[in-house]
């Protein structure tokens, strides 16, 4: 779990484009705009810090598209 007081302290410590590892073994990255995001993979964190990828979506995931279930076809038996 990431605590707010940890995030507030990190804003001043790290420069834009920098990647670091946290105590919980996640990789933090600071983008050129000053946004801080956390990743599981160091490669993804470095790409985010360089501005090559978008950050992970924060918050609730988008709902998935589910297969539509149709009414069963009516079968006549004689």
C-alpha atoms as a PDB file:
ATOM      1  CA  UNK A   1       0.000   0.000   0.000  1.00  0.00           C
ATOM      2  CA  UNK A   2       1.282   3.454  -0.864  1.00  0.00           C
ATOM      3  CA  UNK A   3       0.710   6.134   1.731  1.00  0.00           C
ATOM      4  CA  UNK A   4       0.037   9.786   0.969  1.00  0.00           C
ATOM      5  CA  UNK A   5       2.861  11.075   3.161  1.00  0.00           C
ATOM      6  CA  UNK A   6       5.315   8.987   1.130  1.00  0.00           C
ATOM      7  CA  UNK A   7       4.075  10.564  -2.091  1.00  0.00           C
ATOM      8  CA  UNK A   8       4.320  14.089  -0.758  1.00  0.00           C
ATOM      9  CA  UNK A   9       7.923  13.562   0.300  1.00  0.00           C
ATOM     10  CA  UNK A  10       8.898  12.045  -3.059  1.00  0.00           C
ATOM     11  CA  UNK A  11       7.883  15.063  -5.137  1.00  0.00           C
ATOM     12  CA  UNK A  12      10.867  17.071  -3.952  1.00  0.00           C
ATOM     13  CA  UNK A  13      13.416  14.251  -3.894  1.00  0.00           C
ATOM     14  CA  UNK A  14      13.221  12.957  -7.482  1.00  0.00           C
ATOM     15  CA  UNK A  15      13.730  14.857 -10.732  1.00  0.00           C
ATOM     16  CA  UNK A  16      11.693  14.515 -13.923  1.00  0.00           C
ATOM     17  CA  UNK A  17      12.578  11.388 -15.880  1.00  0.00           C
ATOM     18  CA  UNK A  18      13.953   9.516 -12.869  1.00  0.00           C
ATOM     19  CA  UNK A  19      13.114   5.919 -11.836  1.00  0.00           C
ATOM     20  CA  UNK A  20      13.505   4.459  -8.331  1.00  0.00           C
ATOM     21  CA  UNK A  21      12.529   1.359  -6.366  1.00  0.00           C
ATOM     22  CA  UNK A  22      10.286   1.552  -3.297  1.00  0.00           C
ATOM     23  CA  UNK A  23      10.356  -0.454  -0.070  1.00  0.00           C
ATOM     24  CA  UNK A  24       7.485  -2.615  -1.369  1.00  0.00           C
ATOM     25  CA  UNK A  25       9.524  -3.562  -4.496  1.00  0.00           C
ATOM     26  CA  UNK A  26       7.564  -1.357  -6.929  1.00  0.00           C
ATOM     27  CA  UNK A  27       9.257   1.005  -9.358  1.00  0.00           C
ATOM     28  CA  UNK A  28       8.405   4.668  -9.156  1.00  0.00           C
ATOM     29  CA  UNK A  29       8.789   6.992 -12.133  1.00  0.00           C
ATOM     30  CA  UNK A  30       8.430  10.749 -12.463  1.00  0.00           C
ATOM     31  CA  UNK A  31       7.356  12.060 -15.863  1.00  0.00           C
ATOM     32  CA  UNK A  32       8.435  15.304 -17.511  1.00  0.00           C
ATOM     33  CA  UNK A  33       5.204  16.927 -16.296  1.00  0.00           C
ATOM     34  CA  UNK A  34       6.025  16.019 -12.695  1.00  0.00           C
ATOM     35  CA  UNK A  35       3.466  13.211 -12.327  1.00  0.00           C
ATOM     36  CA  UNK A  36       4.554  10.206 -10.252  1.00  0.00           C
ATOM     37  CA  UNK A  37       3.281   6.698 -11.066  1.00  0.00           C
ATOM     38  CA  UNK A  38       4.243   3.247  -9.810  1.00  0.00           C
ATOM     39  CA  UNK A  39       4.907   0.141 -11.899  1.00  0.00           C
ATOM     40  CA  UNK A  40       5.653  -3.541 -11.303  1.00  0.00           C
ATOM     41  CA  UNK A  41       8.256  -3.676 -14.093  1.00  0.00           C
ATOM     42  CA  UNK A  42      11.328  -1.411 -14.253  1.00  0.00           C
ATOM     43  CA  UNK A  43      11.193  -1.383 -18.056  1.00  0.00           C
ATOM     44  CA  UNK A  44       7.678   0.112 -18.005  1.00  0.00           C
ATOM     45  CA  UNK A  45       8.680   2.664 -15.376  1.00  0.00           C
ATOM     46  CA  UNK A  46      11.668   3.788 -17.452  1.00  0.00           C
ATOM     47  CA  UNK A  47       9.479   4.095 -20.561  1.00  0.00           C
ATOM     48  CA  UNK A  48       6.970   6.224 -18.625  1.00  0.00           C
ATOM     49  CA  UNK A  49       9.724   8.466 -17.255  1.00  0.00           C
ATOM     50  CA  UNK A  50      11.051   8.941 -20.803  1.00  0.00           C
ATOM     51  CA  UNK A  51       7.552   9.818 -22.033  1.00  0.00           C
ATOM     52  CA  UNK A  52       7.167   6.801 -24.321  1.00  0.00           C
ATOM     53  CA  UNK A  53       4.048   5.249 -22.722  1.00  0.00           C
ATOM     54  CA  UNK A  54       0.917   6.465 -20.971  1.00  0.00           C
ATOM     55  CA  UNK A  55       0.582   5.924 -17.214  1.00  0.00           C
ATOM     56  CA  UNK A  56      -1.525   3.095 -15.808  1.00  0.00           C
ATOM     57  CA  UNK A  57      -5.157   4.012 -15.260  1.00  0.00           C
ATOM     58  CA  UNK A  58      -5.707   5.112 -11.694  1.00  0.00           C
ATOM     59  CA  UNK A  59      -8.988   4.127 -10.100  1.00  0.00           C
ATOM     60  CA  UNK A  60     -11.751   1.800 -11.146  1.00  0.00           C
ATOM     61  CA  UNK A  61     -11.180  -0.329 -14.273  1.00  0.00           C
ATOM     62  CA  UNK A  62     -13.345   0.119 -17.337  1.00  0.00           C
ATOM     63  CA  UNK A  63     -16.260  -2.324 -17.589  1.00  0.00           C
ATOM     64  CA  UNK A  64     -15.656  -5.276 -19.897  1.00  0.00           C
ATOM     65  CA  UNK A  65     -17.774  -6.013 -22.936  1.00  0.00           C
ATOM     66  CA  UNK A  66     -19.636  -9.222 -22.269  1.00  0.00           C
ATOM     67  CA  UNK A  67     -20.936 -11.619 -24.879  1.00  0.00           C
ATOM     68  CA  UNK A  68     -24.628 -11.118 -25.476  1.00  0.00           C
ATOM     69  CA  UNK A  69     -26.785 -14.063 -24.522  1.00  0.00           C
ATOM     70  CA  UNK A  70     -29.559 -14.748 -26.984  1.00  0.00           C
ATOM     71  CA  UNK A  71     -32.790 -16.509 -26.374  1.00  0.00           C
ATOM     72  CA  UNK A  72     -32.546 -20.228 -27.173  1.00  0.00           C
ATOM     73  CA  UNK A  73     -33.973 -21.228 -30.539  1.00  0.00           C
ATOM     74  CA  UNK A  74     -37.309 -22.927 -30.362  1.00  0.00           C
ATOM     75  CA  UNK A  75     -37.175 -26.533 -31.548  1.00  0.00           C
ATOM     76  CA  UNK A  76     -40.261 -28.336 -32.717  1.00  0.00           C
ATOM     77  CA  UNK A  77     -40.487 -32.079 -32.410  1.00  0.00           C
ATOM     78  CA  UNK A  78     -43.051 -34.080 -34.223  1.00  0.00           C
END
